[in-house]
Amino acid sequence: LDNYRGRIGQLQVEWGWGNVADAMRRAVSHYQESGA
């Protein structure tokens, strides 16, 4: 809530095709590390 305004545009994102499987593994890892 304190950083959302224009945040995506502020990031240096290299747009294009990425490795979706790696992204899903990162999502699962983040979730597990959060203890949720």
PDB file of all heavy atoms in Angstrom:
ATOM      1  N   LEU A   1       0.813  -1.213   0.000  1.00  0.00           N
ATOM      2  CA  LEU A   1       0.000   0.000   0.000  1.00  0.00           C
ATOM      3  C   LEU A   1       0.850   1.268   0.000  1.00  0.00           C
ATOM      4  O   LEU A   1       0.424   2.296  -0.498  1.00  0.00           O
ATOM      5  CB  LEU A   1      -0.954   0.003   1.199  1.00  0.00           C
ATOM      6  CG  LEU A   1      -2.029  -1.086   1.163  1.00  0.00           C
ATOM      7  CD1 LEU A   1      -2.808  -1.101   2.476  1.00  0.00           C
ATOM      8  CD2 LEU A   1      -2.966  -0.882  -0.016  1.00  0.00           C
ATOM      9  N   ASP A   2       2.070   1.180   0.517  1.00  0.00           N
ATOM     10  CA  ASP A   2       2.921   2.374   0.585  1.00  0.00           C
ATOM     11  C   ASP A   2       3.850   2.536  -0.619  1.00  0.00           C
ATOM     12  O   ASP A   2       4.587   3.517  -0.689  1.00  0.00           O
ATOM     13  CB  ASP A   2       3.738   2.373   1.877  1.00  0.00           C
ATOM     14  CG  ASP A   2       4.752   1.237   1.953  1.00  0.00           C
ATOM     15  OD1 ASP A   2       4.664   0.293   1.145  1.00  0.00           O
ATOM     16  OD2 ASP A   2       5.624   1.293   2.826  1.00  0.00           O
ATOM     17  N   ASN A   3       3.819   1.591  -1.590  1.00  0.00           N
ATOM     18  CA  ASN A   3       4.733   1.728  -2.727  1.00  0.00           C
ATOM     19  C   ASN A   3       4.119   1.364  -4.078  1.00  0.00           C
ATOM     20  O   ASN A   3       4.830   1.271  -5.064  1.00  0.00           O
ATOM     21  CB  ASN A   3       5.994   0.876  -2.505  1.00  0.00           C
ATOM     22  CG  ASN A   3       5.780  -0.600  -2.777  1.00  0.00           C
ATOM     23  OD1 ASN A   3       4.664  -1.079  -2.897  1.00  0.00           O
ATOM     24  ND2 ASN A   3       6.861  -1.342  -2.862  1.00  0.00           N
ATOM     25  N   TYR A   4       2.824   1.146  -4.139  1.00  0.00           N
ATOM     26  CA  TYR A   4       2.220   0.601  -5.350  1.00  0.00           C
ATOM     27  C   TYR A   4       2.107   1.587  -6.518  1.00  0.00           C
ATOM     28  O   TYR A   4       2.138   1.180  -7.671  1.00  0.00           O
ATOM     29  CB  TYR A   4       0.831   0.031  -5.054  1.00  0.00           C
ATOM     30  CG  TYR A   4      -0.236   1.072  -4.859  1.00  0.00           C
ATOM     31  CD1 TYR A   4      -1.018   1.487  -5.930  1.00  0.00           C
ATOM     32  CD2 TYR A   4      -0.455   1.659  -3.618  1.00  0.00           C
ATOM     33  CE1 TYR A   4      -1.997   2.449  -5.754  1.00  0.00           C
ATOM     34  CE2 TYR A   4      -1.420   2.605  -3.434  1.00  0.00           C
ATOM     35  CZ  TYR A   4      -2.190   3.009  -4.509  1.00  0.00           C
ATOM     36  OH  TYR A   4      -3.157   3.960  -4.336  1.00  0.00           O
ATOM     37  N   ARG A   5       2.001   2.865  -6.252  1.00  0.00           N
ATOM     38  CA  ARG A   5       1.759   3.833  -7.337  1.00  0.00           C
ATOM     39  C   ARG A   5       2.918   3.847  -8.337  1.00  0.00           C
ATOM     40  O   ARG A   5       4.019   4.253  -7.994  1.00  0.00           O
ATOM     41  CB  ARG A   5       1.545   5.219  -6.773  1.00  0.00           C
ATOM     42  CG  ARG A   5       0.259   5.334  -6.009  1.00  0.00           C
ATOM     43  CD  ARG A   5       0.109   6.724  -5.434  1.00  0.00           C
ATOM     44  NE  ARG A   5      -0.934   6.736  -4.438  1.00  0.00           N
ATOM     45  CZ  ARG A   5      -2.110   7.327  -4.611  1.00  0.00           C
ATOM     46  NH1 ARG A   5      -2.367   7.985  -5.714  1.00  0.00           N
ATOM     47  NH2 ARG A   5      -3.009   7.279  -3.660  1.00  0.00           N
ATOM     48  N   GLY A   6       2.649   3.380  -9.539  1.00  0.00           N
ATOM     49  CA  GLY A   6       3.640   3.359 -10.604  1.00  0.00           C
ATOM     50  C   GLY A   6       4.795   2.401 -10.382  1.00  0.00           C
ATOM     51  O   GLY A   6       5.810   2.465 -11.065  1.00  0.00           O
ATOM     52  N   ARG A   7       4.656   1.489  -9.436  1.00  0.00           N
ATOM     53  CA  ARG A   7       5.774   0.613  -9.055  1.00  0.00           C
ATOM     54  C   ARG A   7       6.251  -0.269 -10.210  1.00  0.00           C
ATOM     55  O   ARG A   7       7.454  -0.441 -10.398  1.00  0.00           O
ATOM     56  CB  ARG A   7       5.380  -0.254  -7.858  1.00  0.00           C
ATOM     57  CG  ARG A   7       6.524  -1.076  -7.328  1.00  0.00           C
ATOM     58  CD  ARG A   7       7.574  -0.166  -6.711  1.00  0.00           C
ATOM     59  NE  ARG A   7       8.753  -0.931  -6.370  1.00  0.00           N
ATOM     60  CZ  ARG A   7       9.985  -0.563  -6.672  1.00  0.00           C
ATOM     61  NH1 ARG A   7      10.212   0.567  -7.291  1.00  0.00           N
ATOM     62  NH2 ARG A   7      10.997  -1.313  -6.351  1.00  0.00           N
ATOM     63  N   ILE A   8       5.335  -0.846 -10.973  1.00  0.00           N
ATOM     64  CA  ILE A   8       5.735  -1.740 -12.053  1.00  0.00           C
ATOM     65  C   ILE A   8       6.589  -0.983 -13.067  1.00  0.00           C
ATOM     66  O   ILE A   8       7.604  -1.480 -13.534  1.00  0.00           O
ATOM     67  CB  ILE A   8       4.510  -2.380 -12.735  1.00  0.00           C
ATOM     68  CG1 ILE A   8       3.654  -3.158 -11.723  1.00  0.00           C
ATOM     69  CG2 ILE A   8       4.936  -3.275 -13.894  1.00  0.00           C
ATOM     70  CD1 ILE A   8       4.339  -4.299 -11.035  1.00  0.00           C
ATOM     71  N   GLY A   9       6.210   0.235 -13.386  1.00  0.00           N
ATOM     72  CA  GLY A   9       6.972   1.050 -14.324  1.00  0.00           C
ATOM     73  C   GLY A   9       8.335   1.454 -13.809  1.00  0.00           C
ATOM     74  O   GLY A   9       9.246   1.738 -14.590  1.00  0.00           O
ATOM     75  N   GLN A  10       8.514   1.498 -12.495  1.00  0.00           N
ATOM     76  CA  GLN A  10       9.791   1.871 -11.900  1.00  0.00           C
ATOM     77  C   GLN A  10      10.812   0.739 -11.940  1.00  0.00           C
ATOM     78  O   GLN A  10      12.007   0.979 -11.823  1.00  0.00           O
ATOM     79  CB  GLN A  10       9.594   2.306 -10.439  1.00  0.00           C
ATOM     80  CG  GLN A  10       8.749   3.542 -10.280  1.00  0.00           C
ATOM     81  CD  GLN A  10       8.309   3.749  -8.834  1.00  0.00           C
ATOM     82  OE1 GLN A  10       8.602   2.943  -7.958  1.00  0.00           O
ATOM     83  NE2 GLN A  10       7.588   4.821  -8.596  1.00  0.00           N
ATOM     84  N   LEU A  11      10.343  -0.483 -12.093  1.00  0.00           N
ATOM     85  CA  LEU A  11      11.231  -1.645 -12.087  1.00  0.00           C
ATOM     86  C   LEU A  11      11.950  -1.772 -13.419  1.00  0.00           C
ATOM     87  O   LEU A  11      11.419  -1.433 -14.466  1.00  0.00           O
ATOM     88  CB  LEU A  11      10.440  -2.924 -11.811  1.00  0.00           C
ATOM     89  CG  LEU A  11       9.699  -2.964 -10.478  1.00  0.00           C
ATOM     90  CD1 LEU A  11       8.817  -4.196 -10.424  1.00  0.00           C
ATOM     91  CD2 LEU A  11      10.668  -2.929  -9.330  1.00  0.00           C
ATOM     92  N   GLN A  12      13.137  -2.264 -13.394  1.00  0.00           N
ATOM     93  CA  GLN A  12      13.906  -2.524 -14.611  1.00  0.00           C
ATOM     94  C   GLN A  12      13.632  -3.959 -15.042  1.00  0.00           C
ATOM     95  O   GLN A  12      14.392  -4.866 -14.738  1.00  0.00           O
ATOM     96  CB  GLN A  12      15.400  -2.306 -14.347  1.00  0.00           C
ATOM     97  CG  GLN A  12      15.755  -0.902 -13.952  1.00  0.00           C
ATOM     98  CD  GLN A  12      15.430   0.094 -15.051  1.00  0.00           C
ATOM     99  OE1 GLN A  12      15.717  -0.132 -16.214  1.00  0.00           O
ATOM    100  NE2 GLN A  12      14.818   1.191 -14.678  1.00  0.00           N
ATOM    101  N   VAL A  13      12.522  -4.153 -15.733  1.00  0.00           N
ATOM    102  CA  VAL A  13      12.106  -5.493 -16.141  1.00  0.00           C
ATOM    103  C   VAL A  13      12.481  -5.711 -17.600  1.00  0.00           C
ATOM    104  O   VAL A  13      12.188  -4.885 -18.453  1.00  0.00           O
ATOM    105  CB  VAL A  13      10.581  -5.680 -15.967  1.00  0.00           C
ATOM    106  CG1 VAL A  13      10.142  -7.037 -16.466  1.00  0.00           C
ATOM    107  CG2 VAL A  13      10.192  -5.489 -14.511  1.00  0.00           C
ATOM    108  N   GLU A  14      13.139  -6.818 -17.862  1.00  0.00           N
ATOM    109  CA  GLU A  14      13.465  -7.215 -19.232  1.00  0.00           C
ATOM    110  C   GLU A  14      12.295  -8.039 -19.747  1.00  0.00           C
ATOM    111  O   GLU A  14      12.170  -9.230 -19.464  1.00  0.00           O
ATOM    112  CB  GLU A  14      14.748  -8.053 -19.223  1.00  0.00           C
ATOM    113  CG  GLU A  14      15.203  -8.491 -20.586  1.00  0.00           C
ATOM    114  CD  GLU A  14      16.431  -9.370 -20.493  1.00  0.00           C
ATOM    115  OE1 GLU A  14      17.346  -9.058 -19.716  1.00  0.00           O
ATOM    116  OE2 GLU A  14      16.448 -10.398 -21.196  1.00  0.00           O
ATOM    117  N   TRP A  15      11.401  -7.388 -20.476  1.00  0.00           N
ATOM    118  CA  TRP A  15      10.186  -8.059 -20.927  1.00  0.00           C
ATOM    119  C   TRP A  15      10.496  -9.023 -22.054  1.00  0.00           C
ATOM    120  O   TRP A  15      11.368  -8.789 -22.872  1.00  0.00           O
ATOM    121  CB  TRP A  15       9.145  -7.037 -21.367  1.00  0.00           C
ATOM    122  CG  TRP A  15       8.694  -6.195 -20.233  1.00  0.00           C
ATOM    123  CD1 TRP A  15       9.066  -4.924 -19.980  1.00  0.00           C
ATOM    124  CD2 TRP A  15       7.846  -6.577 -19.155  1.00  0.00           C
ATOM    125  NE1 TRP A  15       8.492  -4.481 -18.822  1.00  0.00           N
ATOM    126  CE2 TRP A  15       7.736  -5.472 -18.298  1.00  0.00           C
ATOM    127  CE3 TRP A  15       7.166  -7.740 -18.823  1.00  0.00           C
ATOM    128  CZ2 TRP A  15       6.973  -5.490 -17.142  1.00  0.00           C
ATOM    129  CZ3 TRP A  15       6.396  -7.753 -17.669  1.00  0.00           C
ATOM    130  CH2 TRP A  15       6.308  -6.647 -16.848  1.00  0.00           C
ATOM    131  N   GLY A  16       9.775 -10.101 -22.092  1.00  0.00           N
ATOM    132  CA  GLY A  16       9.949 -11.120 -23.119  1.00  0.00           C
ATOM    133  C   GLY A  16       9.624 -12.473 -22.506  1.00  0.00           C
ATOM    134  O   GLY A  16       9.115 -12.561 -21.394  1.00  0.00           O
ATOM    135  N   TRP A  17       9.916 -13.494 -23.235  1.00  0.00           N
ATOM    136  CA  TRP A  17       9.614 -14.836 -22.745  1.00  0.00           C
ATOM    137  C   TRP A  17      10.603 -15.223 -21.656  1.00  0.00           C
ATOM    138  O   TRP A  17      11.790 -15.061 -21.802  1.00  0.00           O
ATOM    139  CB  TRP A  17       9.669 -15.860 -23.873  1.00  0.00           C
ATOM    140  CG  TRP A  17       8.552 -15.657 -24.825  1.00  0.00           C
ATOM    141  CD1 TRP A  17       8.610 -15.004 -26.022  1.00  0.00           C
ATOM    142  CD2 TRP A  17       7.206 -16.055 -24.657  1.00  0.00           C
ATOM    143  NE1 TRP A  17       7.376 -14.981 -26.604  1.00  0.00           N
ATOM    144  CE2 TRP A  17       6.492 -15.625 -25.792  1.00  0.00           C
ATOM    145  CE3 TRP A  17       6.518 -16.732 -23.662  1.00  0.00           C
ATOM    146  CZ2 TRP A  17       5.134 -15.854 -25.959  1.00  0.00           C
ATOM    147  CZ3 TRP A  17       5.167 -16.961 -23.833  1.00  0.00           C
ATOM    148  CH2 TRP A  17       4.501 -16.521 -24.962  1.00  0.00           C
ATOM    149  N   GLY A  18      10.086 -15.696 -20.574  1.00  0.00           N
ATOM    150  CA  GLY A  18      10.913 -16.159 -19.476  1.00  0.00           C
ATOM    151  C   GLY A  18      10.635 -17.616 -19.203  1.00  0.00           C
ATOM    152  O   GLY A  18       9.858 -18.263 -19.898  1.00  0.00           O
ATOM    153  N   ASN A  19      11.252 -18.126 -18.188  1.00  0.00           N
ATOM    154  CA  ASN A  19      11.072 -19.515 -17.809  1.00  0.00           C
ATOM    155  C   ASN A  19       9.966 -19.585 -16.767  1.00  0.00           C
ATOM    156  O   ASN A  19      10.180 -19.292 -15.592  1.00  0.00           O
ATOM    157  CB  ASN A  19      12.386 -20.077 -17.269  1.00  0.00           C
ATOM    158  CG  ASN A  19      12.307 -21.559 -17.049  1.00  0.00           C
ATOM    159  OD1 ASN A  19      11.264 -22.100 -16.689  1.00  0.00           O
ATOM    160  ND2 ASN A  19      13.422 -22.228 -17.252  1.00  0.00           N
ATOM    161  N   VAL A  20       8.787 -19.963 -17.210  1.00  0.00           N
ATOM    162  CA  VAL A  20       7.619 -20.001 -16.328  1.00  0.00           C
ATOM    163  C   VAL A  20       7.807 -21.046 -15.232  1.00  0.00           C
ATOM    164  O   VAL A  20       7.400 -20.828 -14.085  1.00  0.00           O
ATOM    165  CB  VAL A  20       6.325 -20.257 -17.134  1.00  0.00           C
ATOM    166  CG1 VAL A  20       5.132 -20.380 -16.211  1.00  0.00           C
ATOM    167  CG2 VAL A  20       6.110 -19.134 -18.140  1.00  0.00           C
ATOM    168  N   ALA A  21       8.437 -22.167 -15.547  1.00  0.00           N
ATOM    169  CA  ALA A  21       8.667 -23.209 -14.533  1.00  0.00           C
ATOM    170  C   ALA A  21       9.538 -22.660 -13.402  1.00  0.00           C
ATOM    171  O   ALA A  21       9.258 -22.893 -12.224  1.00  0.00           O
ATOM    172  CB  ALA A  21       9.310 -24.437 -15.161  1.00  0.00           C
ATOM    173  N   ASP A  22      10.589 -21.908 -13.738  1.00  0.00           N
ATOM    174  CA  ASP A  22      11.433 -21.295 -12.708  1.00  0.00           C
ATOM    175  C   ASP A  22      10.639 -20.289 -11.876  1.00  0.00           C
ATOM    176  O   ASP A  22      10.813 -20.195 -10.667  1.00  0.00           O
ATOM    177  CB  ASP A  22      12.650 -20.588 -13.332  1.00  0.00           C
ATOM    178  CG  ASP A  22      13.744 -21.550 -13.735  1.00  0.00           C
ATOM    179  OD1 ASP A  22      13.677 -22.738 -13.347  1.00  0.00           O
ATOM    180  OD2 ASP A  22      14.677 -21.107 -14.439  1.00  0.00           O
ATOM    181  N   ALA A  23       9.771 -19.534 -12.545  1.00  0.00           N
ATOM    182  CA  ALA A  23       8.952 -18.560 -11.820  1.00  0.00           C
ATOM    183  C   ALA A  23       8.003 -19.258 -10.844  1.00  0.00           C
ATOM    184  O   ALA A  23       7.810 -18.796  -9.716  1.00  0.00           O
ATOM    185  CB  ALA A  23       8.162 -17.693 -12.800  1.00  0.00           C
ATOM    186  N   MET A  24       7.428 -20.380 -11.260  1.00  0.00           N
ATOM    187  CA  MET A  24       6.531 -21.126 -10.367  1.00  0.00           C
ATOM    188  C   MET A  24       7.303 -21.708  -9.187  1.00  0.00           C
ATOM    189  O   MET A  24       6.828 -21.685  -8.056  1.00  0.00           O
ATOM    190  CB  MET A  24       5.793 -22.223 -11.137  1.00  0.00           C
ATOM    191  CG  MET A  24       4.773 -21.684 -12.121  1.00  0.00           C
ATOM    192  SD  MET A  24       3.554 -20.584 -11.350  1.00  0.00           S
ATOM    193  CE  MET A  24       2.713 -21.697 -10.257  1.00  0.00           C
ATOM    194  N   ARG A  25       8.522 -22.197  -9.452  1.00  0.00           N
ATOM    195  CA  ARG A  25       9.348 -22.692  -8.344  1.00  0.00           C
ATOM    196  C   ARG A  25       9.664 -21.559  -7.369  1.00  0.00           C
ATOM    197  O   ARG A  25       9.663 -21.753  -6.154  1.00  0.00           O
ATOM    198  CB  ARG A  25      10.633 -23.329  -8.879  1.00  0.00           C
ATOM    199  CG  ARG A  25      10.422 -24.731  -9.427  1.00  0.00           C
ATOM    200  CD  ARG A  25      11.745 -25.424  -9.719  1.00  0.00           C
ATOM    201  NE  ARG A  25      12.336 -24.985 -10.965  1.00  0.00           N
ATOM    202  CZ  ARG A  25      12.000 -25.455 -12.163  1.00  0.00           C
ATOM    203  NH1 ARG A  25      11.084 -26.391 -12.274  1.00  0.00           N
ATOM    204  NH2 ARG A  25      12.604 -25.003 -13.248  1.00  0.00           N
ATOM    205  N   ARG A  26       9.914 -20.368  -7.896  1.00  0.00           N
ATOM    206  CA  ARG A  26      10.187 -19.195  -7.044  1.00  0.00           C
ATOM    207  C   ARG A  26       8.957 -18.848  -6.222  1.00  0.00           C
ATOM    208  O   ARG A  26       9.065 -18.506  -5.048  1.00  0.00           O
ATOM    209  CB  ARG A  26      10.618 -18.009  -7.915  1.00  0.00           C
ATOM    210  CG  ARG A  26      10.925 -16.747  -7.150  1.00  0.00           C
ATOM    211  CD  ARG A  26      12.199 -16.931  -6.296  1.00  0.00           C
ATOM    212  NE  ARG A  26      12.514 -15.729  -5.583  1.00  0.00           N
ATOM    213  CZ  ARG A  26      12.219 -15.515  -4.306  1.00  0.00           C
ATOM    214  NH1 ARG A  26      11.618 -16.450  -3.591  1.00  0.00           N
ATOM    215  NH2 ARG A  26      12.540 -14.381  -3.723  1.00  0.00           N
ATOM    216  N   ALA A  27       7.780 -18.954  -6.816  1.00  0.00           N
ATOM    217  CA  ALA A  27       6.533 -18.675  -6.099  1.00  0.00           C
ATOM    218  C   ALA A  27       6.321 -19.677  -4.961  1.00  0.00           C
ATOM    219  O   ALA A  27       5.986 -19.299  -3.836  1.00  0.00           O
ATOM    220  CB  ALA A  27       5.345 -18.707  -7.056  1.00  0.00           C
ATOM    221  N   VAL A  28       6.536 -20.954  -5.254  1.00  0.00           N
ATOM    222  CA  VAL A  28       6.382 -21.994  -4.223  1.00  0.00           C
ATOM    223  C   VAL A  28       7.404 -21.782  -3.112  1.00  0.00           C
ATOM    224  O   VAL A  28       7.068 -21.857  -1.918  1.00  0.00           O
ATOM    225  CB  VAL A  28       6.508 -23.403  -4.840  1.00  0.00           C
ATOM    226  CG1 VAL A  28       6.607 -24.469  -3.764  1.00  0.00           C
ATOM    227  CG2 VAL A  28       5.333 -23.671  -5.766  1.00  0.00           C
ATOM    228  N   SER A  29       8.631 -21.485  -3.473  1.00  0.00           N
ATOM    229  CA  SER A  29       9.680 -21.245  -2.486  1.00  0.00           C
ATOM    230  C   SER A  29       9.339 -20.054  -1.598  1.00  0.00           C
ATOM    231  O   SER A  29       9.470 -20.119  -0.374  1.00  0.00           O
ATOM    232  CB  SER A  29      11.008 -21.001  -3.203  1.00  0.00           C
ATOM    233  OG  SER A  29      12.008 -20.627  -2.293  1.00  0.00           O
ATOM    234  N   HIS A  30       8.870 -18.973  -2.205  1.00  0.00           N
ATOM    235  CA  HIS A  30       8.490 -17.780  -1.427  1.00  0.00           C
ATOM    236  C   HIS A  30       7.371 -18.122  -0.443  1.00  0.00           C
ATOM    237  O   HIS A  30       7.413 -17.731   0.719  1.00  0.00           O
ATOM    238  CB  HIS A  30       8.051 -16.657  -2.358  1.00  0.00           C
ATOM    239  CG  HIS A  30       7.527 -15.463  -1.643  1.00  0.00           C
ATOM    240  ND1 HIS A  30       8.351 -14.595  -0.952  1.00  0.00           N
ATOM    241  CD2 HIS A  30       6.273 -15.002  -1.478  1.00  0.00           C
ATOM    242  CE1 HIS A  30       7.616 -13.644  -0.397  1.00  0.00           C
ATOM    243  NE2 HIS A  30       6.354 -13.868  -0.707  1.00  0.00           N
ATOM    244  N   TYR A  31       6.391 -18.873  -0.909  1.00  0.00           N
ATOM    245  CA  TYR A  31       5.273 -19.263  -0.054  1.00  0.00           C
ATOM    246  C   TYR A  31       5.752 -20.122   1.113  1.00  0.00           C
ATOM    247  O   TYR A  31       5.388 -19.879   2.268  1.00  0.00           O
ATOM    248  CB  TYR A  31       4.229 -20.021  -0.882  1.00  0.00           C
ATOM    249  CG  TYR A  31       3.068 -20.516  -0.065  1.00  0.00           C
ATOM    250  CD1 TYR A  31       2.055 -19.653   0.322  1.00  0.00           C
ATOM    251  CD2 TYR A  31       2.979 -21.842   0.318  1.00  0.00           C
ATOM    252  CE1 TYR A  31       0.986 -20.095   1.076  1.00  0.00           C
ATOM    253  CE2 TYR A  31       1.917 -22.303   1.064  1.00  0.00           C
ATOM    254  CZ  TYR A  31       0.917 -21.426   1.444  1.00  0.00           C
ATOM    255  OH  TYR A  31      -0.135 -21.873   2.201  1.00  0.00           O
ATOM    256  N   GLN A  32       6.585 -21.101   0.829  1.00  0.00           N
ATOM    257  CA  GLN A  32       7.084 -21.982   1.888  1.00  0.00           C
ATOM    258  C   GLN A  32       7.927 -21.214   2.897  1.00  0.00           C
ATOM    259  O   GLN A  32       7.811 -21.434   4.101  1.00  0.00           O
ATOM    260  CB  GLN A  32       7.879 -23.133   1.292  1.00  0.00           C
ATOM    261  CG  GLN A  32       7.013 -24.107   0.534  1.00  0.00           C
ATOM    262  CD  GLN A  32       7.806 -25.142  -0.238  1.00  0.00           C
ATOM    263  OE1 GLN A  32       8.950 -24.910  -0.621  1.00  0.00           O
ATOM    264  NE2 GLN A  32       7.177 -26.283  -0.500  1.00  0.00           N
ATOM    265  N   GLU A  33       8.763 -20.307   2.426  1.00  0.00           N
ATOM    266  CA  GLU A  33       9.611 -19.509   3.316  1.00  0.00           C
ATOM    267  C   GLU A  33       8.803 -18.553   4.183  1.00  0.00           C
ATOM    268  O   GLU A  33       9.235 -18.188   5.276  1.00  0.00           O
ATOM    269  CB  GLU A  33      10.629 -18.705   2.497  1.00  0.00           C
ATOM    270  CG  GLU A  33      11.680 -19.565   1.847  1.00  0.00           C
ATOM    271  CD  GLU A  33      12.508 -18.802   0.822  1.00  0.00           C
ATOM    272  OE1 GLU A  33      12.357 -17.565   0.711  1.00  0.00           O
ATOM    273  OE2 GLU A  33      13.310 -19.446   0.134  1.00  0.00           O
ATOM    274  N   SER A  34       7.618 -18.161   3.711  1.00  0.00           N
ATOM    275  CA  SER A  34       6.799 -17.210   4.467  1.00  0.00           C
ATOM    276  C   SER A  34       6.182 -17.845   5.710  1.00  0.00           C
ATOM    277  O   SER A  34       5.766 -17.143   6.627  1.00  0.00           O
ATOM    278  CB  SER A  34       5.680 -16.648   3.582  1.00  0.00           C
ATOM    279  OG  SER A  34       4.647 -17.613   3.401  1.00  0.00           O
ATOM    280  N   GLY A  35       6.101 -19.170   5.729  1.00  0.00           N
ATOM    281  CA  GLY A  35       5.489 -19.859   6.859  1.00  0.00           C
ATOM    282  C   GLY A  35       3.967 -19.831   6.834  1.00  0.00           C
ATOM    283  O   GLY A  35       3.317 -20.246   7.784  1.00  0.00           O
ATOM    284  N   ALA A  36       3.403 -19.350   5.744  1.00  0.00           N
ATOM    285  CA  ALA A  36       1.943 -19.265   5.631  1.00  0.00           C
ATOM    286  C   ALA A  36       1.324 -20.659   5.617  1.00  0.00           C
ATOM    287  O   ALA A  36       1.927 -21.607   5.129  1.00  0.00           O
ATOM    288  CB  ALA A  36       1.554 -18.508   4.365  1.00  0.00           C
TER     289      ALA A  36
END
